[in-house]
Amino acid sequence: MNLGFFYLLQMFTVYALKSIERNYIYVGLTNNLDRRVAEHNKGYNKTTKPYLPFQLIYTKSFPTRPEARIHEKYLKSSTGKRFLKSLV
């Protein structure tokens, strides 16, 4: 199997979750969005566990991890946080 070809098919998703019960938005990056959101909502992540449950409020996919990481950093900035707050 050509792993280089597999890597090209893999997408990286930047996502934002909003706590349903508290004023908290979490931004992350993953290559498997469904699995990652489920992990957050099952309390597997130490950082987000106190803010359960979550709803997905934003996603954007990228072909490479470095591109996704740049966008993730933007969403964690003050401008990015304002953008995410405008969505809810």
PDB file of N, CA and C in Angstrom:
ATOM      1  N   MET A   1       0.848  -1.193   0.000  1.00  0.00           N
ATOM      2  CA  MET A   1       0.000   0.000   0.000  1.00  0.00           C
ATOM      3  C   MET A   1       0.886   1.245   0.000  1.00  0.00           C
ATOM      4  N   ASN A   2       0.531   2.184  -0.806  1.00  0.00           N
ATOM      5  CA  ASN A   2       1.286   3.429  -0.900  1.00  0.00           C
ATOM      6  C   ASN A   2       0.805   4.382   0.196  1.00  0.00           C
ATOM      7  N   LEU A   3       1.575   4.514   1.274  1.00  0.00           N
ATOM      8  CA  LEU A   3       1.162   5.357   2.403  1.00  0.00           C
ATOM      9  C   LEU A   3       1.150   6.838   2.047  1.00  0.00           C
ATOM     10  N   GLY A   4       1.975   7.232   1.098  1.00  0.00           N
ATOM     11  CA  GLY A   4       1.947   8.618   0.645  1.00  0.00           C
ATOM     12  C   GLY A   4       0.600   8.970   0.044  1.00  0.00           C
ATOM     13  N   PHE A   5       0.028   8.045  -0.692  1.00  0.00           N
ATOM     14  CA  PHE A   5      -1.298   8.253  -1.279  1.00  0.00           C
ATOM     15  C   PHE A   5      -2.345   8.363  -0.179  1.00  0.00           C
ATOM     16  N   PHE A   6      -2.247   7.486   0.841  1.00  0.00           N
ATOM     17  CA  PHE A   6      -3.185   7.535   1.964  1.00  0.00           C
ATOM     18  C   PHE A   6      -3.103   8.878   2.675  1.00  0.00           C
ATOM     19  N   TYR A   7      -1.898   9.368   2.871  1.00  0.00           N
ATOM     20  CA  TYR A   7      -1.722  10.656   3.551  1.00  0.00           C
ATOM     21  C   TYR A   7      -2.414  11.769   2.782  1.00  0.00           C
ATOM     22  N   LEU A   8      -2.356  11.699   1.448  1.00  0.00           N
ATOM     23  CA  LEU A   8      -3.000  12.731   0.643  1.00  0.00           C
ATOM     24  C   LEU A   8      -4.514  12.704   0.796  1.00  0.00           C
ATOM     25  N   LEU A   9      -5.073  11.526   1.051  1.00  0.00           N
ATOM     26  CA  LEU A   9      -6.523  11.405   1.195  1.00  0.00           C
ATOM     27  C   LEU A   9      -7.009  11.832   2.578  1.00  0.00           C
ATOM     28  N   GLN A  10      -6.116  11.822   3.539  1.00  0.00           N
ATOM     29  CA  GLN A  10      -6.494  12.160   4.903  1.00  0.00           C
ATOM     30  C   GLN A  10      -6.701  13.665   5.030  1.00  0.00           C
ATOM     31  N   MET A  11      -7.816  14.040   5.644  1.00  0.00           N
ATOM     32  CA  MET A  11      -8.111  15.452   5.877  1.00  0.00           C
ATOM     33  C   MET A  11      -7.991  15.731   7.368  1.00  0.00           C
ATOM     34  N   PHE A  12      -7.688  16.968   7.672  1.00  0.00           N
ATOM     35  CA  PHE A  12      -7.584  17.409   9.057  1.00  0.00           C
ATOM     36  C   PHE A  12      -8.663  18.457   9.282  1.00  0.00           C
ATOM     37  N   THR A  13      -9.398  18.304  10.354  1.00  0.00           N
ATOM     38  CA  THR A  13     -10.531  19.181  10.632  1.00  0.00           C
ATOM     39  C   THR A  13     -10.290  19.982  11.896  1.00  0.00           C
ATOM     40  N   VAL A  14     -10.471  21.283  11.776  1.00  0.00           N
ATOM     41  CA  VAL A  14     -10.468  22.172  12.935  1.00  0.00           C
ATOM     42  C   VAL A  14     -11.923  22.298  13.354  1.00  0.00           C
ATOM     43  N   TYR A  15     -12.180  22.180  14.639  1.00  0.00           N
ATOM     44  CA  TYR A  15     -13.561  22.196  15.111  1.00  0.00           C
ATOM     45  C   TYR A  15     -13.685  23.043  16.371  1.00  0.00           C
ATOM     46  N   ALA A  16     -14.914  23.480  16.620  1.00  0.00           N
ATOM     47  CA  ALA A  16     -15.210  24.217  17.852  1.00  0.00           C
ATOM     48  C   ALA A  16     -16.439  23.590  18.489  1.00  0.00           C
ATOM     49  N   LEU A  17     -16.332  23.361  19.796  1.00  0.00           N
ATOM     50  CA  LEU A  17     -17.430  22.818  20.579  1.00  0.00           C
ATOM     51  C   LEU A  17     -17.867  23.864  21.587  1.00  0.00           C
ATOM     52  N   LYS A  18     -19.183  23.975  21.771  1.00  0.00           N
ATOM     53  CA  LYS A  18     -19.712  24.877  22.794  1.00  0.00           C
ATOM     54  C   LYS A  18     -20.360  24.049  23.876  1.00  0.00           C
ATOM     55  N   SER A  19     -20.009  24.370  25.112  1.00  0.00           N
ATOM     56  CA  SER A  19     -20.654  23.716  26.240  1.00  0.00           C
ATOM     57  C   SER A  19     -22.127  24.117  26.255  1.00  0.00           C
ATOM     58  N   ILE A  20     -22.993  23.145  26.396  1.00  0.00           N
ATOM     59  CA  ILE A  20     -24.431  23.420  26.414  1.00  0.00           C
ATOM     60  C   ILE A  20     -24.851  24.085  27.721  1.00  0.00           C
ATOM     61  N   GLU A  21     -24.177  23.740  28.818  1.00  0.00           N
ATOM     62  CA  GLU A  21     -24.586  24.229  30.125  1.00  0.00           C
ATOM     63  C   GLU A  21     -23.750  25.381  30.673  1.00  0.00           C
ATOM     64  N   ARG A  22     -22.555  25.599  30.089  1.00  0.00           N
ATOM     65  CA  ARG A  22     -21.674  26.642  30.613  1.00  0.00           C
ATOM     66  C   ARG A  22     -21.161  27.515  29.480  1.00  0.00           C
ATOM     67  N   ASN A  23     -20.602  28.663  29.838  1.00  0.00           N
ATOM     68  CA  ASN A  23     -20.076  29.599  28.846  1.00  0.00           C
ATOM     69  C   ASN A  23     -18.633  29.209  28.510  1.00  0.00           C
ATOM     70  N   TYR A  24     -18.481  28.245  27.605  1.00  0.00           N
ATOM     71  CA  TYR A  24     -17.155  27.722  27.276  1.00  0.00           C
ATOM     72  C   TYR A  24     -17.146  27.219  25.837  1.00  0.00           C
ATOM     73  N   ILE A  25     -16.129  27.611  25.083  1.00  0.00           N
ATOM     74  CA  ILE A  25     -15.939  27.125  23.714  1.00  0.00           C
ATOM     75  C   ILE A  25     -14.552  26.499  23.638  1.00  0.00           C
ATOM     76  N   TYR A  26     -14.501  25.289  23.108  1.00  0.00           N
ATOM     77  CA  TYR A  26     -13.241  24.561  22.949  1.00  0.00           C
ATOM     78  C   TYR A  26     -12.920  24.450  21.466  1.00  0.00           C
ATOM     79  N   VAL A  27     -11.668  24.712  21.102  1.00  0.00           N
ATOM     80  CA  VAL A  27     -11.209  24.595  19.713  1.00  0.00           C
ATOM     81  C   VAL A  27     -10.175  23.491  19.650  1.00  0.00           C
ATOM     82  N   GLY A  28     -10.312  22.609  18.672  1.00  0.00           N
ATOM     83  CA  GLY A  28      -9.364  21.512  18.519  1.00  0.00           C
ATOM     84  C   GLY A  28      -9.140  21.157  17.065  1.00  0.00           C
ATOM     85  N   LEU A  29      -8.292  20.163  16.853  1.00  0.00           N
ATOM     86  CA  LEU A  29      -7.909  19.708  15.525  1.00  0.00           C
ATOM     87  C   LEU A  29      -7.885  18.182  15.553  1.00  0.00           C
ATOM     88  N   THR A  30      -8.415  17.543  14.510  1.00  0.00           N
ATOM     89  CA  THR A  30      -8.458  16.083  14.475  1.00  0.00           C
ATOM     90  C   THR A  30      -8.454  15.569  13.041  1.00  0.00           C
ATOM     91  N   ASN A  31      -8.163  14.289  12.895  1.00  0.00           N
ATOM     92  CA  ASN A  31      -8.298  13.647  11.590  1.00  0.00           C
ATOM     93  C   ASN A  31      -9.520  12.733  11.573  1.00  0.00           C
ATOM     94  N   ASN A  32     -10.290  12.710  12.678  1.00  0.00           N
ATOM     95  CA  ASN A  32     -11.515  11.912  12.759  1.00  0.00           C
ATOM     96  C   ASN A  32     -12.512  12.663  13.650  1.00  0.00           C
ATOM     97  N   LEU A  33     -13.306  13.497  13.030  1.00  0.00           N
ATOM     98  CA  LEU A  33     -14.193  14.394  13.772  1.00  0.00           C
ATOM     99  C   LEU A  33     -15.222  13.651  14.623  1.00  0.00           C
ATOM    100  N   ASP A  34     -15.885  12.650  14.053  1.00  0.00           N
ATOM    101  CA  ASP A  34     -16.918  11.933  14.806  1.00  0.00           C
ATOM    102  C   ASP A  34     -16.350  11.298  16.072  1.00  0.00           C
ATOM    103  N   ARG A  35     -15.202  10.640  15.935  1.00  0.00           N
ATOM    104  CA  ARG A  35     -14.562  10.011  17.092  1.00  0.00           C
ATOM    105  C   ARG A  35     -14.189  11.055  18.146  1.00  0.00           C
ATOM    106  N   ARG A  36     -13.625  12.161  17.695  1.00  0.00           N
ATOM    107  CA  ARG A  36     -13.133  13.183  18.635  1.00  0.00           C
ATOM    108  C   ARG A  36     -14.277  13.852  19.395  1.00  0.00           C
ATOM    109  N   VAL A  37     -15.353  14.187  18.719  1.00  0.00           N
ATOM    110  CA  VAL A  37     -16.503  14.804  19.394  1.00  0.00           C
ATOM    111  C   VAL A  37     -17.089  13.822  20.407  1.00  0.00           C
ATOM    112  N   ALA A  38     -17.170  12.549  20.026  1.00  0.00           N
ATOM    113  CA  ALA A  38     -17.681  11.531  20.952  1.00  0.00           C
ATOM    114  C   ALA A  38     -16.782  11.431  22.183  1.00  0.00           C
ATOM    115  N   GLU A  39     -15.458  11.489  21.983  1.00  0.00           N
ATOM    116  CA  GLU A  39     -14.537  11.433  23.123  1.00  0.00           C
ATOM    117  C   GLU A  39     -14.762  12.603  24.077  1.00  0.00           C
ATOM    118  N   HIS A  40     -14.969  13.784  23.525  1.00  0.00           N
ATOM    119  CA  HIS A  40     -15.236  14.953  24.382  1.00  0.00           C
ATOM    120  C   HIS A  40     -16.524  14.744  25.161  1.00  0.00           C
ATOM    121  N   ASN A  41     -17.577  14.286  24.500  1.00  0.00           N
ATOM    122  CA  ASN A  41     -18.873  14.143  25.163  1.00  0.00           C
ATOM    123  C   ASN A  41     -18.942  12.964  26.123  1.00  0.00           C
ATOM    124  N   LYS A  42     -17.982  12.050  26.033  1.00  0.00           N
ATOM    125  CA  LYS A  42     -17.911  10.943  26.994  1.00  0.00           C
ATOM    126  C   LYS A  42     -17.003  11.281  28.173  1.00  0.00           C
ATOM    127  N   GLY A  43     -16.392  12.467  28.147  1.00  0.00           N
ATOM    128  CA  GLY A  43     -15.555  12.900  29.258  1.00  0.00           C
ATOM    129  C   GLY A  43     -14.141  12.354  29.226  1.00  0.00           C
ATOM    130  N   TYR A  44     -13.666  11.905  28.060  1.00  0.00           N
ATOM    131  CA  TYR A  44     -12.311  11.344  27.950  1.00  0.00           C
ATOM    132  C   TYR A  44     -11.228  12.416  27.966  1.00  0.00           C
ATOM    133  N   ASN A  45     -11.588  13.665  27.713  1.00  0.00           N
ATOM    134  CA  ASN A  45     -10.607  14.738  27.652  1.00  0.00           C
ATOM    135  C   ASN A  45     -10.629  15.500  28.979  1.00  0.00           C
ATOM    136  N   LYS A  46      -9.486  15.532  29.653  1.00  0.00           N
ATOM    137  CA  LYS A  46      -9.386  16.167  30.975  1.00  0.00           C
ATOM    138  C   LYS A  46      -9.750  17.654  30.939  1.00  0.00           C
ATOM    139  N   THR A  47      -9.363  18.341  29.861  1.00  0.00           N
ATOM    140  CA  THR A  47      -9.612  19.775  29.750  1.00  0.00           C
ATOM    141  C   THR A  47     -11.097  20.095  29.612  1.00  0.00           C
ATOM    142  N   THR A  48     -11.818  19.282  28.858  1.00  0.00           N
ATOM    143  CA  THR A  48     -13.221  19.601  28.574  1.00  0.00           C
ATOM    144  C   THR A  48     -14.222  18.886  29.481  1.00  0.00           C
ATOM    145  N   LYS A  49     -13.787  17.898  30.214  1.00  0.00           N
ATOM    146  CA  LYS A  49     -14.713  17.107  31.044  1.00  0.00           C
ATOM    147  C   LYS A  49     -15.609  17.950  31.955  1.00  0.00           C
ATOM    148  N   PRO A  50     -15.093  18.997  32.606  1.00  0.00           N
ATOM    149  CA  PRO A  50     -15.963  19.792  33.496  1.00  0.00           C
ATOM    150  C   PRO A  50     -17.069  20.563  32.775  1.00  0.00           C
ATOM    151  N   TYR A  51     -17.000  20.641  31.447  1.00  0.00           N
ATOM    152  CA  TYR A  51     -17.950  21.473  30.692  1.00  0.00           C
ATOM    153  C   TYR A  51     -18.973  20.658  29.900  1.00  0.00           C
ATOM    154  N   LEU A  52     -19.052  19.370  30.132  1.00  0.00           N
ATOM    155  CA  LEU A  52     -20.005  18.502  29.426  1.00  0.00           C
ATOM    156  C   LEU A  52     -21.430  18.975  29.612  1.00  0.00           C
ATOM    157  N   PRO A  53     -22.319  18.709  28.675  1.00  0.00           N
ATOM    158  CA  PRO A  53     -22.116  18.178  27.324  1.00  0.00           C
ATOM    159  C   PRO A  53     -21.814  19.297  26.324  1.00  0.00           C
ATOM    160  N   PHE A  54     -21.422  18.885  25.110  1.00  0.00           N
ATOM    161  CA  PHE A  54     -21.037  19.827  24.059  1.00  0.00           C
ATOM    162  C   PHE A  54     -21.890  19.683  22.818  1.00  0.00           C
ATOM    163  N   GLN A  55     -21.966  20.792  22.090  1.00  0.00           N
ATOM    164  CA  GLN A  55     -22.530  20.739  20.738  1.00  0.00           C
ATOM    165  C   GLN A  55     -21.482  21.300  19.785  1.00  0.00           C
ATOM    166  N   LEU A  56     -21.406  20.719  18.609  1.00  0.00           N
ATOM    167  CA  LEU A  56     -20.465  21.146  17.588  1.00  0.00           C
ATOM    168  C   LEU A  56     -21.003  22.421  16.942  1.00  0.00           C
ATOM    169  N   ILE A  57     -20.211  23.495  16.934  1.00  0.00           N
ATOM    170  CA  ILE A  57     -20.684  24.759  16.364  1.00  0.00           C
ATOM    171  C   ILE A  57     -19.915  25.182  15.121  1.00  0.00           C
ATOM    172  N   TYR A  58     -18.757  24.528  14.844  1.00  0.00           N
ATOM    173  CA  TYR A  58     -17.949  24.973  13.709  1.00  0.00           C
ATOM    174  C   TYR A  58     -16.998  23.869  13.280  1.00  0.00           C
ATOM    175  N   THR A  59     -16.855  23.689  11.967  1.00  0.00           N
ATOM    176  CA  THR A  59     -15.831  22.798  11.420  1.00  0.00           C
ATOM    177  C   THR A  59     -15.283  23.397  10.134  1.00  0.00           C
ATOM    178  N   LYS A  60     -14.023  23.118   9.873  1.00  0.00           N
ATOM    179  CA  LYS A  60     -13.400  23.477   8.607  1.00  0.00           C
ATOM    180  C   LYS A  60     -12.281  22.473   8.357  1.00  0.00           C
ATOM    181  N   SER A  61     -12.263  21.863   7.175  1.00  0.00           N
ATOM    182  CA  SER A  61     -11.284  20.831   6.852  1.00  0.00           C
ATOM    183  C   SER A  61     -10.160  21.365   5.978  1.00  0.00           C
ATOM    184  N   PHE A  62      -8.999  20.753   6.144  1.00  0.00           N
ATOM    185  CA  PHE A  62      -7.784  21.147   5.426  1.00  0.00           C
ATOM    186  C   PHE A  62      -7.057  19.898   4.939  1.00  0.00           C
ATOM    187  N   PRO A  63      -6.327  20.011   3.833  1.00  0.00           N
ATOM    188  CA  PRO A  63      -5.612  18.844   3.303  1.00  0.00           C
ATOM    189  C   PRO A  63      -4.348  18.487   4.083  1.00  0.00           C
ATOM    190  N   THR A  64      -3.789  19.438   4.835  1.00  0.00           N
ATOM    191  CA  THR A  64      -2.570  19.142   5.590  1.00  0.00           C
ATOM    192  C   THR A  64      -2.716  19.600   7.038  1.00  0.00           C
ATOM    193  N   ARG A  65      -1.986  18.929   7.918  1.00  0.00           N
ATOM    194  CA  ARG A  65      -2.012  19.288   9.336  1.00  0.00           C
ATOM    195  C   ARG A  65      -1.463  20.700   9.581  1.00  0.00           C
ATOM    196  N   PRO A  66      -0.356  21.104   8.927  1.00  0.00           N
ATOM    197  CA  PRO A  66       0.136  22.472   9.161  1.00  0.00           C
ATOM    198  C   PRO A  66      -0.892  23.556   8.798  1.00  0.00           C
ATOM    199  N   GLU A  67      -1.635  23.361   7.714  1.00  0.00           N
ATOM    200  CA  GLU A  67      -2.676  24.341   7.359  1.00  0.00           C
ATOM    201  C   GLU A  67      -3.760  24.382   8.429  1.00  0.00           C
ATOM    202  N   ALA A  68      -4.159  23.206   8.896  1.00  0.00           N
ATOM    203  CA  ALA A  68      -5.193  23.131   9.932  1.00  0.00           C
ATOM    204  C   ALA A  68      -4.700  23.783  11.224  1.00  0.00           C
ATOM    205  N   ARG A  69      -3.453  23.570  11.554  1.00  0.00           N
ATOM    206  CA  ARG A  69      -2.887  24.139  12.786  1.00  0.00           C
ATOM    207  C   ARG A  69      -2.887  25.665  12.749  1.00  0.00           C
ATOM    208  N   ILE A  70      -2.605  26.240  11.596  1.00  0.00           N
ATOM    209  CA  ILE A  70      -2.647  27.698  11.445  1.00  0.00           C
ATOM    210  C   ILE A  70      -4.057  28.214  11.726  1.00  0.00           C
ATOM    211  N   HIS A  71      -5.061  27.518  11.182  1.00  0.00           N
ATOM    212  CA  HIS A  71      -6.443  27.950  11.397  1.00  0.00           C
ATOM    213  C   HIS A  71      -6.860  27.744  12.855  1.00  0.00           C
ATOM    214  N   GLU A  72      -6.405  26.651  13.454  1.00  0.00           N
ATOM    215  CA  GLU A  72      -6.712  26.407  14.865  1.00  0.00           C
ATOM    216  C   GLU A  72      -6.151  27.542  15.734  1.00  0.00           C
ATOM    217  N   LYS A  73      -4.926  27.943  15.457  1.00  0.00           N
ATOM    218  CA  LYS A  73      -4.317  29.048  16.219  1.00  0.00           C
ATOM    219  C   LYS A  73      -5.105  30.337  16.021  1.00  0.00           C
ATOM    220  N   TYR A  74      -5.593  30.586  14.793  1.00  0.00           N
ATOM    221  CA  TYR A  74      -6.406  31.781  14.545  1.00  0.00           C
ATOM    222  C   TYR A  74      -7.664  31.747  15.409  1.00  0.00           C
ATOM    223  N   LEU A  75      -8.353  30.595  15.444  1.00  0.00           N
ATOM    224  CA  LEU A  75      -9.593  30.511  16.209  1.00  0.00           C
ATOM    225  C   LEU A  75      -9.359  30.679  17.711  1.00  0.00           C
ATOM    226  N   LYS A  76      -8.162  30.399  18.165  1.00  0.00           N
ATOM    227  CA  LYS A  76      -7.833  30.575  19.579  1.00  0.00           C
ATOM    228  C   LYS A  76      -7.385  31.997  19.903  1.00  0.00           C
ATOM    229  N   SER A  77      -7.206  32.817  18.873  1.00  0.00           N
ATOM    230  CA  SER A  77      -6.833  34.221  19.081  1.00  0.00           C
ATOM    231  C   SER A  77      -8.073  35.023  19.473  1.00  0.00           C
ATOM    232  N   SER A  78      -7.875  36.260  19.888  1.00  0.00           N
ATOM    233  CA  SER A  78      -9.030  37.083  20.278  1.00  0.00           C
ATOM    234  C   SER A  78      -9.976  37.319  19.099  1.00  0.00           C
ATOM    235  N   THR A  79      -9.442  37.517  17.905  1.00  0.00           N
ATOM    236  CA  THR A  79     -10.291  37.709  16.723  1.00  0.00           C
ATOM    237  C   THR A  79     -11.073  36.437  16.419  1.00  0.00           C
ATOM    238  N   GLY A  80     -10.395  35.295  16.491  1.00  0.00           N
ATOM    239  CA  GLY A  80     -11.062  34.018  16.240  1.00  0.00           C
ATOM    240  C   GLY A  80     -12.126  33.718  17.271  1.00  0.00           C
ATOM    241  N   LYS A  81     -11.852  34.036  18.526  1.00  0.00           N
ATOM    242  CA  LYS A  81     -12.847  33.817  19.584  1.00  0.00           C
ATOM    243  C   LYS A  81     -14.086  34.672  19.356  1.00  0.00           C
ATOM    244  N   ARG A  82     -13.871  35.913  18.921  1.00  0.00           N
ATOM    245  CA  ARG A  82     -15.025  36.784  18.614  1.00  0.00           C
ATOM    246  C   ARG A  82     -15.856  36.179  17.491  1.00  0.00           C
ATOM    247  N   PHE A  83     -15.178  35.656  16.468  1.00  0.00           N
ATOM    248  CA  PHE A  83     -15.886  35.002  15.367  1.00  0.00           C
ATOM    249  C   PHE A  83     -16.725  33.838  15.867  1.00  0.00           C
ATOM    250  N   LEU A  84     -16.143  32.984  16.687  1.00  0.00           N
ATOM    251  CA  LEU A  84     -16.881  31.811  17.192  1.00  0.00           C
ATOM    252  C   LEU A  84     -18.059  32.233  18.072  1.00  0.00           C
ATOM    253  N   LYS A  85     -17.870  33.248  18.892  1.00  0.00           N
ATOM    254  CA  LYS A  85     -18.969  33.723  19.738  1.00  0.00           C
ATOM    255  C   LYS A  85     -20.112  34.290  18.917  1.00  0.00           C
ATOM    256  N   SER A  86     -19.780  34.819  17.720  1.00  0.00           N
ATOM    257  CA  SER A  86     -20.837  35.356  16.850  1.00  0.00           C
ATOM    258  C   SER A  86     -21.698  34.254  16.246  1.00  0.00           C
ATOM    259  N   LEU A  87     -21.227  33.010  16.302  1.00  0.00           N
ATOM    260  CA  LEU A  87     -21.960  31.889  15.735  1.00  0.00           C
ATOM    261  C   LEU A  87     -23.040  31.357  16.671  1.00  0.00           C
ATOM    262  N   VAL A  88     -22.913  31.673  17.963  1.00  0.00           N
ATOM    263  CA  VAL A  88     -23.853  31.097  18.941  1.00  0.00           C
ATOM    264  C   VAL A  88     -24.827  32.116  19.482  1.00  0.00           C
TER     265      VAL A  88
END
